[in-house]
C-alpha atoms as a PDB file:
ATOM      1  CA  UNK A   1     -18.705   2.719 -11.844  1.00  0.00           C
ATOM      2  CA  UNK A   2     -17.294   0.639  -9.027  1.00  0.00           C
ATOM      3  CA  UNK A   3     -18.517  -0.810  -5.738  1.00  0.00           C
ATOM      4  CA  UNK A   4     -17.152   1.007  -2.676  1.00  0.00           C
ATOM      5  CA  UNK A   5     -17.297  -0.996   0.528  1.00  0.00           C
ATOM      6  CA  UNK A   6     -16.329   1.775   2.945  1.00  0.00           C
ATOM      7  CA  UNK A   7     -15.029   5.340   3.182  1.00  0.00           C
ATOM      8  CA  UNK A   8     -13.110   6.052   6.394  1.00  0.00           C
ATOM      9  CA  UNK A   9     -12.277   9.700   7.116  1.00  0.00           C
ATOM     10  CA  UNK A  10      -9.240  10.726   9.171  1.00  0.00           C
ATOM     11  CA  UNK A  11      -7.334   7.443   8.939  1.00  0.00           C
ATOM     12  CA  UNK A  12      -3.872   7.589  10.506  1.00  0.00           C
ATOM     13  CA  UNK A  13      -2.690   4.143   9.378  1.00  0.00           C
ATOM     14  CA  UNK A  14      -2.834   4.359   5.599  1.00  0.00           C
ATOM     15  CA  UNK A  15      -0.132   6.839   4.688  1.00  0.00           C
ATOM     16  CA  UNK A  16       1.321  10.152   5.855  1.00  0.00           C
ATOM     17  CA  UNK A  17      -1.004  12.713   7.426  1.00  0.00           C
ATOM     18  CA  UNK A  18      -4.757  12.529   7.906  1.00  0.00           C
ATOM     19  CA  UNK A  19      -6.133  10.433   5.085  1.00  0.00           C
ATOM     20  CA  UNK A  20      -9.492   9.471   3.691  1.00  0.00           C
ATOM     21  CA  UNK A  21      -9.339   5.698   3.278  1.00  0.00           C
ATOM     22  CA  UNK A  22     -11.442   4.216   0.470  1.00  0.00           C
ATOM     23  CA  UNK A  23     -11.955   0.445   0.572  1.00  0.00           C
ATOM     24  CA  UNK A  24     -12.970  -1.087  -2.746  1.00  0.00           C
ATOM     25  CA  UNK A  25     -15.433  -3.971  -2.631  1.00  0.00           C
ATOM     26  CA  UNK A  26     -14.408  -7.385  -3.941  1.00  0.00           C
ATOM     27  CA  UNK A  27     -17.946  -8.765  -4.112  1.00  0.00           C
ATOM     28  CA  UNK A  28     -21.508  -7.497  -4.430  1.00  0.00           C
ATOM     29  CA  UNK A  29     -21.416  -5.577  -1.152  1.00  0.00           C
ATOM     30  CA  UNK A  30     -21.034  -1.820  -1.038  1.00  0.00           C
ATOM     31  CA  UNK A  31     -22.347   1.237  -2.824  1.00  0.00           C
ATOM     32  CA  UNK A  32     -21.873   1.679  -6.563  1.00  0.00           C
ATOM     33  CA  UNK A  33     -20.364   5.071  -7.390  1.00  0.00           C
ATOM     34  CA  UNK A  34     -18.991   6.823 -10.440  1.00  0.00           C
ATOM     35  CA  UNK A  35     -15.531   8.421 -10.163  1.00  0.00           C
ATOM     36  CA  UNK A  36     -17.100  11.883  -9.817  1.00  0.00           C
ATOM     37  CA  UNK A  37     -19.541  10.706  -7.142  1.00  0.00           C
ATOM     38  CA  UNK A  38     -16.717   9.145  -5.158  1.00  0.00           C
ATOM     39  CA  UNK A  39     -14.542  12.265  -5.303  1.00  0.00           C
ATOM     40  CA  UNK A  40     -17.548  14.405  -4.316  1.00  0.00           C
ATOM     41  CA  UNK A  41     -17.758  12.345  -1.114  1.00  0.00           C
ATOM     42  CA  UNK A  42     -14.033  12.736  -0.529  1.00  0.00           C
ATOM     43  CA  UNK A  43     -14.285  16.519  -0.930  1.00  0.00           C
ATOM     44  CA  UNK A  44     -16.402  16.694   2.246  1.00  0.00           C
ATOM     45  CA  UNK A  45     -13.294  15.825   4.245  1.00  0.00           C
ATOM     46  CA  UNK A  46     -10.991  18.406   2.666  1.00  0.00           C
ATOM     47  CA  UNK A  47     -10.492  20.370   5.946  1.00  0.00           C
ATOM     48  CA  UNK A  48      -9.120  17.258   7.680  1.00  0.00           C
ATOM     49  CA  UNK A  49      -6.929  16.271   4.758  1.00  0.00           C
ATOM     50  CA  UNK A  50      -5.395  19.741   4.564  1.00  0.00           C
ATOM     51  CA  UNK A  51      -4.633  19.906   8.306  1.00  0.00           C
ATOM     52  CA  UNK A  52      -1.303  18.127   7.873  1.00  0.00           C
ATOM     53  CA  UNK A  53      -0.734  17.422   4.185  1.00  0.00           C
ATOM     54  CA  UNK A  54      -2.760  14.228   4.066  1.00  0.00           C
ATOM     55  CA  UNK A  55      -4.496  12.647   1.113  1.00  0.00           C
ATOM     56  CA  UNK A  56      -6.635   9.768  -0.090  1.00  0.00           C
ATOM     57  CA  UNK A  57      -5.673   6.091   0.169  1.00  0.00           C
ATOM     58  CA  UNK A  58      -7.331   3.319  -1.820  1.00  0.00           C
ATOM     59  CA  UNK A  59      -7.172  -0.315  -0.772  1.00  0.00           C
ATOM     60  CA  UNK A  60      -8.880  -3.617  -1.528  1.00  0.00           C
ATOM     61  CA  UNK A  61      -8.160  -7.130  -2.761  1.00  0.00           C
ATOM     62  CA  UNK A  62      -9.259  -6.361  -6.309  1.00  0.00           C
ATOM     63  CA  UNK A  63      -7.553  -2.997  -6.689  1.00  0.00           C
ATOM     64  CA  UNK A  64      -5.695  -3.960  -9.880  1.00  0.00           C
ATOM     65  CA  UNK A  65      -8.827  -5.202 -11.594  1.00  0.00           C
ATOM     66  CA  UNK A  66     -10.279  -1.696 -11.321  1.00  0.00           C
ATOM     67  CA  UNK A  67      -7.436   0.243 -12.929  1.00  0.00           C
ATOM     68  CA  UNK A  68      -9.649   2.107 -15.416  1.00  0.00           C
ATOM     69  CA  UNK A  69     -11.939   3.327 -12.640  1.00  0.00           C
ATOM     70  CA  UNK A  70      -9.030   4.298 -10.382  1.00  0.00           C
ATOM     71  CA  UNK A  71      -7.143   6.107 -13.142  1.00  0.00           C
ATOM     72  CA  UNK A  72     -10.156   8.351 -13.578  1.00  0.00           C
ATOM     73  CA  UNK A  73     -10.613   8.808  -9.822  1.00  0.00           C
ATOM     74  CA  UNK A  74      -6.923   9.682  -9.344  1.00  0.00           C
ATOM     75  CA  UNK A  75      -7.076  12.192 -12.190  1.00  0.00           C
ATOM     76  CA  UNK A  76     -10.084  13.928 -10.603  1.00  0.00           C
ATOM     77  CA  UNK A  77      -8.401  13.807  -7.168  1.00  0.00           C
ATOM     78  CA  UNK A  78      -5.300  15.510  -8.531  1.00  0.00           C
ATOM     79  CA  UNK A  79      -7.355  18.227 -10.191  1.00  0.00           C
ATOM     80  CA  UNK A  80      -9.071  18.742  -6.822  1.00  0.00           C
ATOM     81  CA  UNK A  81      -5.687  19.001  -5.074  1.00  0.00           C
ATOM     82  CA  UNK A  82      -5.755  15.640  -3.249  1.00  0.00           C
ATOM     83  CA  UNK A  83      -2.646  13.449  -3.053  1.00  0.00           C
ATOM     84  CA  UNK A  84      -3.342   9.804  -3.869  1.00  0.00           C
ATOM     85  CA  UNK A  85      -2.047   6.511  -2.531  1.00  0.00           C
ATOM     86  CA  UNK A  86      -2.727   2.810  -2.985  1.00  0.00           C
ATOM     87  CA  UNK A  87      -2.213   0.301  -0.190  1.00  0.00           C
ATOM     88  CA  UNK A  88      -1.903  -3.300  -1.356  1.00  0.00           C
ATOM     89  CA  UNK A  89      -0.078  -6.624  -1.201  1.00  0.00           C
ATOM     90  CA  UNK A  90       0.311  -6.877  -5.011  1.00  0.00           C
ATOM     91  CA  UNK A  91      -2.215  -9.693  -5.164  1.00  0.00           C
ATOM     92  CA  UNK A  92      -3.614 -10.092  -8.692  1.00  0.00           C
ATOM     93  CA  UNK A  93      -0.966  -7.764 -10.135  1.00  0.00           C
ATOM     94  CA  UNK A  94      -0.091  -9.102 -13.581  1.00  0.00           C
ATOM     95  CA  UNK A  95       2.375  -6.543 -14.888  1.00  0.00           C
ATOM     96  CA  UNK A  96       0.040  -3.869 -16.160  1.00  0.00           C
ATOM     97  CA  UNK A  97       1.110  -0.247 -16.047  1.00  0.00           C
ATOM     98  CA  UNK A  98       0.659   1.145 -12.555  1.00  0.00           C
ATOM     99  CA  UNK A  99      -2.036   3.784 -12.161  1.00  0.00           C
ATOM    100  CA  UNK A 100      -1.422   7.313 -13.408  1.00  0.00           C
ATOM    101  CA  UNK A 101      -1.577  10.317 -11.081  1.00  0.00           C
ATOM    102  CA  UNK A 102      -0.460   8.344  -8.037  1.00  0.00           C
ATOM    103  CA  UNK A 103       1.717   9.948  -5.363  1.00  0.00           C
ATOM    104  CA  UNK A 104       2.479   7.120  -2.913  1.00  0.00           C
ATOM    105  CA  UNK A 105       2.404   3.319  -2.829  1.00  0.00           C
ATOM    106  CA  UNK A 106       2.245   1.306   0.399  1.00  0.00           C
ATOM    107  CA  UNK A 107       3.123  -2.359  -0.133  1.00  0.00           C
ATOM    108  CA  UNK A 108       2.615  -5.092   2.465  1.00  0.00           C
ATOM    109  CA  UNK A 109       5.121  -7.942   2.239  1.00  0.00           C
ATOM    110  CA  UNK A 110       4.680 -11.210   4.095  1.00  0.00           C
ATOM    111  CA  UNK A 111       8.110 -12.664   3.441  1.00  0.00           C
ATOM    112  CA  UNK A 112      10.821 -13.587   0.964  1.00  0.00           C
ATOM    113  CA  UNK A 113      10.783 -16.833  -1.069  1.00  0.00           C
ATOM    114  CA  UNK A 114      13.712 -18.391   0.793  1.00  0.00           C
ATOM    115  CA  UNK A 115      11.969 -17.967   4.146  1.00  0.00           C
ATOM    116  CA  UNK A 116       8.836 -20.081   3.765  1.00  0.00           C
ATOM    117  CA  UNK A 117       7.099 -17.322   1.869  1.00  0.00           C
ATOM    118  CA  UNK A 118       4.780 -19.660   0.013  1.00  0.00           C
ATOM    119  CA  UNK A 119       3.707 -21.295   3.281  1.00  0.00           C
ATOM    120  CA  UNK A 120       2.561 -17.928   4.620  1.00  0.00           C
ATOM    121  CA  UNK A 121       0.444 -16.700   1.738  1.00  0.00           C
ATOM    122  CA  UNK A 122      -1.045 -17.718  -1.581  1.00  0.00           C
ATOM    123  CA  UNK A 123       0.245 -14.559  -3.300  1.00  0.00           C
ATOM    124  CA  UNK A 124       2.731 -15.285  -6.065  1.00  0.00           C
ATOM    125  CA  UNK A 125       6.037 -13.606  -5.194  1.00  0.00           C
ATOM    126  CA  UNK A 126       6.622 -12.980  -8.895  1.00  0.00           C
ATOM    127  CA  UNK A 127       3.698 -10.550  -8.738  1.00  0.00           C
ATOM    128  CA  UNK A 128       5.406  -8.597  -5.982  1.00  0.00           C
ATOM    129  CA  UNK A 129       8.658  -8.408  -7.939  1.00  0.00           C
ATOM    130  CA  UNK A 130       6.843  -7.190 -11.064  1.00  0.00           C
ATOM    131  CA  UNK A 131       5.023  -4.632  -8.987  1.00  0.00           C
ATOM    132  CA  UNK A 132       8.187  -3.387  -7.255  1.00  0.00           C
ATOM    133  CA  UNK A 133       9.946  -2.978 -10.597  1.00  0.00           C
ATOM    134  CA  UNK A 134       7.044  -1.061 -12.121  1.00  0.00           C
ATOM    135  CA  UNK A 135       6.734   1.296  -9.136  1.00  0.00           C
ATOM    136  CA  UNK A 136      10.500   1.820  -9.118  1.00  0.00           C
ATOM    137  CA  UNK A 137      10.542   2.475 -12.879  1.00  0.00           C
ATOM    138  CA  UNK A 138       7.936   5.212 -12.447  1.00  0.00           C
ATOM    139  CA  UNK A 139       9.839   6.538  -9.401  1.00  0.00           C
ATOM    140  CA  UNK A 140       6.747   6.528  -7.193  1.00  0.00           C
ATOM    141  CA  UNK A 141       7.608   6.946  -3.486  1.00  0.00           C
ATOM    142  CA  UNK A 142       7.245   3.526  -1.872  1.00  0.00           C
ATOM    143  CA  UNK A 143       6.529   2.580   1.730  1.00  0.00           C
ATOM    144  CA  UNK A 144       7.003  -1.063   2.766  1.00  0.00           C
ATOM    145  CA  UNK A 145       5.146  -2.806   5.604  1.00  0.00           C
ATOM    146  CA  UNK A 146       6.872  -6.097   6.405  1.00  0.00           C
ATOM    147  CA  UNK A 147       4.694  -8.576   8.309  1.00  0.00           C
ATOM    148  CA  UNK A 148       6.553 -10.525  10.993  1.00  0.00           C
ATOM    149  CA  UNK A 149       5.494 -14.010  12.124  1.00  0.00           C
ATOM    150  CA  UNK A 150       6.812 -15.568  15.300  1.00  0.00           C
ATOM    151  CA  UNK A 151       9.181 -18.452  14.637  1.00  0.00           C
ATOM    152  CA  UNK A 152       9.302 -17.844  10.878  1.00  0.00           C
ATOM    153  CA  UNK A 153      10.757 -14.443  10.003  1.00  0.00           C
ATOM    154  CA  UNK A 154      11.195 -12.815  13.430  1.00  0.00           C
ATOM    155  CA  UNK A 155      14.983 -13.020  13.308  1.00  0.00           C
ATOM    156  CA  UNK A 156      17.972 -10.913  12.318  1.00  0.00           C
ATOM    157  CA  UNK A 157      18.930 -13.200   9.421  1.00  0.00           C
ATOM    158  CA  UNK A 158      15.618 -12.527   7.772  1.00  0.00           C
ATOM    159  CA  UNK A 159      15.858  -8.764   8.354  1.00  0.00           C
ATOM    160  CA  UNK A 160      19.330  -8.667   6.810  1.00  0.00           C
ATOM    161  CA  UNK A 161      18.070 -10.641   3.799  1.00  0.00           C
ATOM    162  CA  UNK A 162      15.178  -8.193   3.479  1.00  0.00           C
ATOM    163  CA  UNK A 163      17.561  -5.223   3.513  1.00  0.00           C
ATOM    164  CA  UNK A 164      19.732  -6.863   0.865  1.00  0.00           C
ATOM    165  CA  UNK A 165      16.723  -7.647  -1.327  1.00  0.00           C
ATOM    166  CA  UNK A 166      15.173  -4.163  -1.138  1.00  0.00           C
ATOM    167  CA  UNK A 167      18.333  -2.053  -1.433  1.00  0.00           C
ATOM    168  CA  UNK A 168      18.170  -2.084  -5.253  1.00  0.00           C
ATOM    169  CA  UNK A 169      14.936  -0.070  -5.177  1.00  0.00           C
ATOM    170  CA  UNK A 170      15.889   3.591  -4.969  1.00  0.00           C
ATOM    171  CA  UNK A 171      12.313   4.845  -4.527  1.00  0.00           C
ATOM    172  CA  UNK A 172      11.759   3.273  -1.078  1.00  0.00           C
ATOM    173  CA  UNK A 173      11.101   6.001   1.483  1.00  0.00           C
ATOM    174  CA  UNK A 174      10.389   3.884   4.547  1.00  0.00           C
ATOM    175  CA  UNK A 175      10.342   0.259   5.667  1.00  0.00           C
ATOM    176  CA  UNK A 176       8.391  -0.696   8.775  1.00  0.00           C
ATOM    177  CA  UNK A 177       7.767  -4.027  10.393  1.00  0.00           C
ATOM    178  CA  UNK A 178       4.498  -5.070  11.976  1.00  0.00           C
ATOM    179  CA  UNK A 179       3.443  -8.268  13.693  1.00  0.00           C
ATOM    180  CA  UNK A 180       2.031 -10.044  16.715  1.00  0.00           C
ATOM    181  CA  UNK A 181       5.263 -10.424  18.630  1.00  0.00           C
ATOM    182  CA  UNK A 182       6.607  -8.543  21.641  1.00  0.00           C
ATOM    183  CA  UNK A 183       7.067  -4.826  20.973  1.00  0.00           C
ATOM    184  CA  UNK A 184      10.601  -5.011  22.347  1.00  0.00           C
ATOM    185  CA  UNK A 185      11.469  -7.647  19.718  1.00  0.00           C
ATOM    186  CA  UNK A 186       9.887  -5.560  16.963  1.00  0.00           C
ATOM    187  CA  UNK A 187      11.926  -2.545  18.064  1.00  0.00           C
ATOM    188  CA  UNK A 188      15.146  -4.572  17.917  1.00  0.00           C
ATOM    189  CA  UNK A 189      14.347  -5.721  14.386  1.00  0.00           C
ATOM    190  CA  UNK A 190      13.455  -2.140  13.356  1.00  0.00           C
ATOM    191  CA  UNK A 191      16.787  -0.943  14.704  1.00  0.00           C
ATOM    192  CA  UNK A 192      18.708  -3.423  12.532  1.00  0.00           C
ATOM    193  CA  UNK A 193      16.486  -2.676   9.530  1.00  0.00           C
ATOM    194  CA  UNK A 194      17.165   1.051   9.732  1.00  0.00           C
ATOM    195  CA  UNK A 195      20.927   0.763  10.206  1.00  0.00           C
ATOM    196  CA  UNK A 196      22.809   2.314   7.289  1.00  0.00           C
END
């Protein structure tokens, strides 16, 4: 069993297509469900998921501490015909084998070590590197969300360093940048990021 904080149907921001977004609880809040009970709730949204090849996305701060639960959930989801995804920042990842029966990974990155990374977050960058290597090894399609902070990594030097750092990972399908800066500036950075 695991505590589920929220189930959001028809999410458009947690992977390709219409997705059911499941947020795992990191405290005593939420509803305790077995893997079968959780998937039974997801099944109610099958018509929306199937409209445009969507799936189910799982997110939460303690996602890696619930690997046994999620392995079982993902297995049931696959048998039910649902594509699975995790959305995370690799917090608390300690090198364990990534979940089985997973179709997509969405990883949020705050920054690189040489660009004040440790001043932006308390996540150990080593965890992100371990996670990237494990996802790449298993050839799981990977989507990157790079967070941009004004005056810190909102510049072309950083974007070029990011491209250089990520180019060794052959499983990356898309890199996007998000942040609270002017949309015109974000578009300029996206243009450089997507240049071949």
